Amino acid sequence: AGRLLYFVILHEDKAVVQKCREIISEWLKGMSLELKPSKTKLVHTLEQYEQEPPGFDFLGFTVRQYPVGKYLSGKSTNGKKLGFKTLITPSQEKLKIHYDRIAEVITAHKAGSQAALIKQINPIIRGWANYYATVVSKVAYSDLDDLMYRKLVAWAKHRHHGKSWEWIKNKYWHTINGERWVFATKQGYKNPLRLLDHADTPIIRHVKVKGELSPYDGNLIYWSSRLGKNPQLPTRVATLLKRQKGKCAYCGLFFRENDVWEVDHIIPKSQGGRDEYKNLQLLHRHCHDKKTASDGSNR
């Protein structure tokens, strides 16, 4: 089977991009690979270039710049207003594929139970929404929820031709913890099985990698804090580094490369504390000594 490599070259000078394409073509030849013409194109992220619209799609994302006023403008590295803003959103192609998949599941469950339908759809929603949670996705999430609601209304009406909309609505949509119009089962009214909304997924902005750093540069603290994993550190330590954003939970200072750190039980095990993540924190060794002395526990 053939191998596919996907990459993007970004530069303000078109001539540089074109030269890079020539260099890459030669580089690929050494691996018996070549650029696929149908997948290779030159575009501008702000303006139409030749017959190509602004922006490009990559790995399911659309990257595009939009002209805006000075109050919304992005800034250069030296603080100068650029007159445009770069937005990364879910691509229209991936939006359609995702909705079509949900619609197919709903259609396939015409005779199935509401609970079975919810159990089938929720993992699809959760996985897709989490993938796009680091970019500008709120509008896409809202649009998908609206389309899904319309599809579910049609599904419910199809199941109960002779019933009024009021009856159908009360059977399938409920108020849960003050939130109205939740597609959910009743199940004793205490723990209903509810359909997830895309819009409930929090947007967590991607943090840009500092300078010239690389996952292969040996900076254990930075990459463990960022990724929550590092092959040279125990999983528990790397996870705590990420959760604490690289800081000691006792003194609040950043860990340094030569510091000695230790995992501490917030509630000591001798006092009933459990060996689980919510009861763990990462401390400098000297901070751990102080904390242990103050809570009267033994390590």
Protein backbone atom coordinates (compact mmCIF):
# COMPACT_ATOMS: atom_id res chain seq x y z
CA ALA A 1 0.00 0.00 0.00
CA GLY A 2 1.17 3.53 -0.73
CA ARG A 3 2.22 5.89 2.03
CA LEU A 4 0.64 9.30 2.47
CA LEU A 5 2.32 12.30 4.10
CA TYR A 6 0.30 15.40 4.90
CA PHE A 7 2.00 18.71 5.64
CA VAL A 8 1.56 22.45 5.19
CA ILE A 9 4.17 25.07 4.35
CA LEU A 10 3.39 28.59 5.56
CA HIS A 11 5.31 31.69 4.50
CA GLU A 12 4.49 35.29 3.63
CA ASP A 13 6.54 35.14 0.41
CA LYS A 14 5.04 33.08 -2.43
CA ALA A 15 8.47 32.56 -4.01
CA VAL A 16 9.73 30.90 -0.83
CA VAL A 17 6.77 28.51 -0.78
CA GLN A 18 7.31 27.60 -4.44
CA LYS A 19 11.01 26.96 -3.80
CA CYS A 20 10.10 24.78 -0.80
CA ARG A 21 7.83 22.74 -3.04
CA GLU A 22 10.75 22.03 -5.38
CA ILE A 23 13.00 21.03 -2.48
CA ILE A 24 10.33 18.78 -0.98
CA SER A 25 9.76 17.09 -4.33
CA GLU A 26 13.44 16.16 -4.48
CA TRP A 27 13.42 15.03 -0.85
CA LEU A 28 10.42 12.77 -1.44
CA LYS A 29 12.05 11.14 -4.44
CA GLY A 30 14.68 9.73 -2.10
CA MET A 31 11.90 7.81 -0.34
CA SER A 32 10.23 6.75 -3.59
CA LEU A 33 7.42 9.23 -2.93
CA GLU A 34 6.02 12.14 -4.88
CA LEU A 35 3.66 15.07 -4.44
CA LYS A 36 0.15 14.24 -5.57
CA PRO A 37 -0.99 17.06 -7.90
CA SER A 38 -4.65 16.75 -6.88
CA LYS A 39 -3.69 17.22 -3.22
CA THR A 40 -1.08 19.94 -3.72
CA LYS A 41 -2.11 23.56 -4.10
CA LEU A 42 -0.97 27.10 -3.40
CA VAL A 43 -3.48 29.30 -1.57
CA HIS A 44 -3.65 32.57 0.33
CA THR A 45 -5.17 32.52 3.81
CA LEU A 46 -6.72 36.01 3.53
CA GLU A 47 -7.48 36.62 -0.14
CA GLN A 48 -8.55 34.63 -3.18
CA TYR A 49 -5.54 33.41 -5.13
CA GLU A 50 -6.12 32.62 -8.80
CA GLN A 51 -9.24 30.39 -8.63
CA GLU A 52 -8.71 29.22 -5.07
CA PRO A 53 -10.83 30.73 -2.24
CA PRO A 54 -9.07 32.03 0.89
CA GLY A 55 -7.84 29.49 3.42
CA PHE A 56 -7.23 25.75 3.32
CA ASP A 57 -8.40 22.53 4.96
CA PHE A 58 -5.96 20.33 6.85
CA LEU A 59 -6.67 17.27 9.02
CA GLY A 60 -10.34 18.21 9.28
CA PHE A 61 -9.72 21.87 10.14
CA THR A 62 -10.25 24.99 8.03
CA VAL A 63 -7.53 27.61 8.48
CA ARG A 64 -8.48 31.05 7.23
CA GLN A 65 -7.92 34.73 7.95
CA TYR A 66 -10.68 37.35 7.98
CA PRO A 67 -10.36 41.15 7.67
CA VAL A 68 -11.54 42.84 10.88
CA GLY A 69 -11.52 46.22 12.58
CA LYS A 70 -8.74 47.39 14.88
CA TYR A 71 -10.48 46.22 18.04
CA LEU A 72 -10.66 42.59 16.87
CA SER A 73 -7.44 42.51 14.89
CA GLY A 74 -4.73 39.99 15.55
CA LYS A 75 -1.24 41.26 16.37
CA SER A 76 2.24 40.51 15.11
CA THR A 77 4.99 39.32 17.45
CA ASN A 78 5.98 42.95 18.07
CA GLY A 79 2.42 44.00 18.92
CA LYS A 80 1.49 45.63 15.60
CA LYS A 81 -2.18 45.28 14.59
CA LEU A 82 -2.49 43.21 11.41
CA GLY A 83 -6.01 44.14 10.27
CA PHE A 84 -7.12 40.52 10.14
CA LYS A 85 -7.75 37.61 12.48
CA THR A 86 -6.81 33.97 11.96
CA LEU A 87 -9.56 31.48 12.75
CA ILE A 88 -9.29 27.70 12.78
CA THR A 89 -12.66 25.93 12.59
CA PRO A 90 -14.01 22.45 11.84
CA SER A 91 -14.11 22.00 8.07
CA GLN A 92 -17.48 21.91 6.31
CA GLU A 93 -16.63 18.49 4.91
CA LYS A 94 -16.06 17.03 8.37
CA LEU A 95 -19.18 18.75 9.71
CA LYS A 96 -21.27 17.07 7.03
CA ILE A 97 -19.66 13.66 7.54
CA HIS A 98 -20.24 13.87 11.29
CA TYR A 99 -23.87 14.95 11.00
CA ASP A 100 -24.57 12.32 8.35
CA ARG A 101 -23.22 9.65 10.69
CA ILE A 102 -25.51 10.79 13.51
CA ALA A 103 -28.48 10.99 11.13
CA GLU A 104 -27.82 7.44 9.94
CA VAL A 105 -27.84 6.17 13.52
CA ILE A 106 -31.12 7.96 14.25
CA THR A 107 -32.71 6.56 11.10
CA ALA A 108 -31.49 3.06 11.94
CA HIS A 109 -33.18 3.26 15.36
CA LYS A 110 -36.70 3.96 14.12
CA ALA A 111 -38.01 1.00 16.09
CA GLY A 112 -35.37 0.97 18.82
CA SER A 113 -35.64 2.42 22.31
CA GLN A 114 -34.67 5.97 23.20
CA ALA A 115 -32.05 4.62 25.62
CA ALA A 116 -30.40 2.50 22.91
CA LEU A 117 -30.33 5.50 20.58
CA ILE A 118 -28.70 7.74 23.18
CA LYS A 119 -26.08 5.10 24.03
CA GLN A 120 -25.20 4.82 20.34
CA ILE A 121 -24.94 8.55 19.64
CA ASN A 122 -23.21 9.85 22.78
CA PRO A 123 -19.75 8.35 22.05
CA ILE A 124 -19.91 9.77 18.51
CA ILE A 125 -20.70 13.26 19.82
CA ARG A 126 -18.12 13.09 22.61
CA GLY A 127 -15.26 11.96 20.39
CA TRP A 128 -15.94 14.47 17.61
CA ALA A 129 -16.52 17.42 19.94
CA ASN A 130 -13.37 16.70 21.95
CA TYR A 131 -11.28 16.60 18.76
CA TYR A 132 -12.38 20.12 17.84
CA ALA A 133 -12.40 21.53 21.39
CA THR A 134 -9.16 23.50 20.92
CA VAL A 135 -10.35 25.63 17.99
CA VAL A 136 -13.21 28.02 17.15
CA SER A 137 -16.02 25.48 17.30
CA LYS A 138 -18.90 27.03 19.26
CA VAL A 139 -20.88 28.00 16.14
CA ALA A 140 -20.33 24.56 14.61
CA TYR A 141 -21.40 22.88 17.86
CA SER A 142 -24.57 24.97 18.02
CA ASP A 143 -25.43 24.30 14.37
CA LEU A 144 -24.95 20.56 14.85
CA ASP A 145 -27.17 20.53 17.95
CA ASP A 146 -29.89 22.34 16.01
CA LEU A 147 -29.71 19.88 13.11
CA MET A 148 -29.71 16.96 15.52
CA TYR A 149 -32.77 18.33 17.35
CA ARG A 150 -34.70 18.63 14.08
CA LYS A 151 -33.76 15.06 13.15
CA LEU A 152 -34.84 13.78 16.57
CA VAL A 153 -38.18 15.61 16.32
CA ALA A 154 -38.81 13.84 13.00
CA TRP A 155 -37.75 10.53 14.61
CA ALA A 156 -40.15 10.99 17.53
CA LYS A 157 -43.09 12.06 15.35
CA HIS A 158 -42.56 9.08 13.05
CA ARG A 159 -42.89 6.74 16.04
CA HIS A 160 -46.18 8.25 17.25
CA HIS A 161 -48.29 9.31 14.27
CA GLY A 162 -51.49 9.67 16.26
CA LYS A 163 -50.08 11.63 19.19
CA SER A 164 -49.98 15.39 19.66
CA TRP A 165 -46.71 17.30 19.71
CA GLU A 166 -47.29 18.10 23.39
CA TRP A 167 -47.49 14.38 24.22
CA ILE A 168 -44.39 13.57 22.15
CA LYS A 169 -42.41 16.43 23.65
CA ASN A 170 -43.22 15.36 27.21
CA LYS A 171 -42.25 11.77 26.45
CA TYR A 172 -38.80 12.42 24.99
CA TRP A 173 -37.67 15.88 26.19
CA HIS A 174 -37.37 16.77 29.85
CA THR A 175 -36.03 19.41 32.24
CA ILE A 176 -32.93 18.19 34.09
CA ASN A 177 -31.24 20.29 36.77
CA GLY A 178 -32.97 23.38 35.43
CA GLU A 179 -31.94 22.70 31.83
CA ARG A 180 -34.95 22.49 29.55
CA TRP A 181 -35.45 20.51 26.35
CA VAL A 182 -33.06 17.71 27.24
CA PHE A 183 -33.51 14.60 25.09
CA ALA A 184 -33.45 12.01 27.87
CA THR A 185 -35.10 8.96 29.34
CA LYS A 186 -37.03 9.22 32.58
CA GLN A 187 -35.60 6.13 34.30
CA GLY A 188 -37.13 6.85 37.69
CA TYR A 189 -36.54 10.61 37.28
CA LYS A 190 -33.27 10.43 39.28
CA ASN A 191 -30.57 9.31 36.86
CA PRO A 192 -31.98 9.75 33.37
CA LEU A 193 -29.91 8.74 30.38
CA ARG A 194 -29.46 11.98 28.44
CA LEU A 195 -28.18 12.87 25.01
CA LEU A 196 -25.03 14.97 25.00
CA ASP A 197 -24.98 18.38 23.34
CA HIS A 198 -21.97 19.36 21.28
CA ALA A 199 -22.22 22.85 22.78
CA ASP A 200 -21.64 21.49 26.29
CA THR A 201 -18.03 20.72 25.35
CA PRO A 202 -15.78 23.47 26.75
CA ILE A 203 -13.44 25.20 24.33
CA ILE A 204 -9.87 24.92 25.61
CA ARG A 205 -7.51 27.03 23.55
CA HIS A 206 -4.35 25.37 22.27
CA VAL A 207 -1.22 26.74 23.96
CA LYS A 208 1.49 27.56 21.46
CA VAL A 209 4.79 25.74 21.88
CA LYS A 210 7.48 28.04 23.25
CA GLY A 211 10.17 29.19 20.83
CA GLU A 212 12.27 26.42 19.34
CA LEU A 213 11.23 23.71 21.81
CA SER A 214 10.72 20.15 20.58
CA PRO A 215 9.40 17.00 22.31
CA TYR A 216 12.83 15.52 21.59
CA ASP A 217 14.90 18.27 23.25
CA GLY A 218 15.06 16.59 26.67
CA ASN A 219 13.03 19.25 28.49
CA LEU A 220 11.15 16.79 30.71
CA ILE A 221 9.31 19.35 32.84
CA TYR A 222 8.00 21.46 29.96
CA TRP A 223 6.72 18.57 27.86
CA SER A 224 5.34 16.60 30.79
CA SER A 225 3.49 19.72 31.96
CA ARG A 226 2.16 20.25 28.47
CA LEU A 227 1.30 16.70 27.42
CA GLY A 228 0.82 14.84 30.69
CA LYS A 229 3.18 12.09 29.56
CA ASN A 230 6.86 11.47 29.06
CA PRO A 231 8.60 8.12 28.48
CA GLN A 232 11.37 9.13 30.90
CA LEU A 233 9.01 9.82 33.80
CA PRO A 234 6.52 7.67 35.72
CA THR A 235 3.00 8.18 34.38
CA ARG A 236 1.79 9.43 37.75
CA VAL A 237 4.48 12.12 37.94
CA ALA A 238 3.90 13.30 34.35
CA THR A 239 0.14 13.44 34.92
CA LEU A 240 0.55 15.52 38.08
CA LEU A 241 3.01 17.84 36.33
CA LYS A 242 0.41 18.57 33.68
CA ARG A 243 -2.42 19.00 36.18
CA GLN A 244 -0.32 21.42 38.26
CA LYS A 245 1.00 23.23 35.16
CA GLY A 246 4.59 22.53 36.14
CA LYS A 247 4.30 24.07 39.62
CA CYS A 248 4.79 22.66 43.11
CA ALA A 249 1.41 22.40 44.82
CA TYR A 250 2.91 23.52 48.16
CA CYS A 251 5.03 26.60 47.37
CA GLY A 252 3.54 27.46 43.98
CA LEU A 253 6.94 27.81 42.29
CA PHE A 254 7.83 26.16 38.99
CA PHE A 255 9.82 22.95 39.12
CA ARG A 256 13.36 23.25 37.73
CA GLU A 257 15.25 20.56 35.87
CA ASN A 258 17.51 19.63 38.80
CA ASP A 259 14.82 19.77 41.52
CA VAL A 260 13.92 16.64 43.43
CA TRP A 261 10.16 16.11 43.49
CA GLU A 262 7.99 13.66 45.35
CA VAL A 263 4.37 12.52 45.13
CA ASP A 264 2.41 13.42 48.26
CA HIS A 265 -0.95 12.25 49.56
CA ILE A 266 -2.98 15.39 50.30
CA ILE A 267 -4.83 13.51 53.03
CA PRO A 268 -2.14 11.20 54.45
CA LYS A 269 -2.75 7.49 54.07
CA SER A 270 -2.24 7.18 57.83
CA GLN A 271 -5.29 9.41 58.21
CA GLY A 272 -7.47 7.53 55.76
CA GLY A 273 -6.34 9.19 52.53
CA ARG A 274 -6.66 7.05 49.43
CA ASP A 275 -4.04 6.33 46.78
CA GLU A 276 -5.93 7.99 43.92
CA TYR A 277 -5.21 10.98 41.69
CA LYS A 278 -7.62 13.37 43.38
CA ASN A 279 -5.68 12.82 46.62
CA LEU A 280 -2.22 13.22 45.06
CA GLN A 281 0.00 16.21 44.46
CA LEU A 282 3.58 16.73 43.31
CA LEU A 283 5.88 18.64 45.66
CA HIS A 284 9.52 19.65 45.93
CA ARG A 285 11.25 17.29 48.36
CA HIS A 286 11.85 20.11 50.86
CA CYS A 287 8.22 21.20 50.50
CA HIS A 288 7.15 17.63 51.09
CA ASP A 289 9.22 17.59 54.30
CA LYS A 290 7.48 20.76 55.53
CA LYS A 291 4.03 19.48 54.63
CA THR A 292 4.66 16.12 56.32
CA ALA A 293 5.88 17.85 59.48
CA SER A 294 2.82 20.10 59.57
CA ASP A 295 0.23 17.35 59.11
CA GLY A 296 1.93 14.94 61.50
CA SER A 297 2.10 12.08 59.03
CA ASN A 298 4.89 9.78 57.98
CA ARG A 299 5.93 9.35 54.36
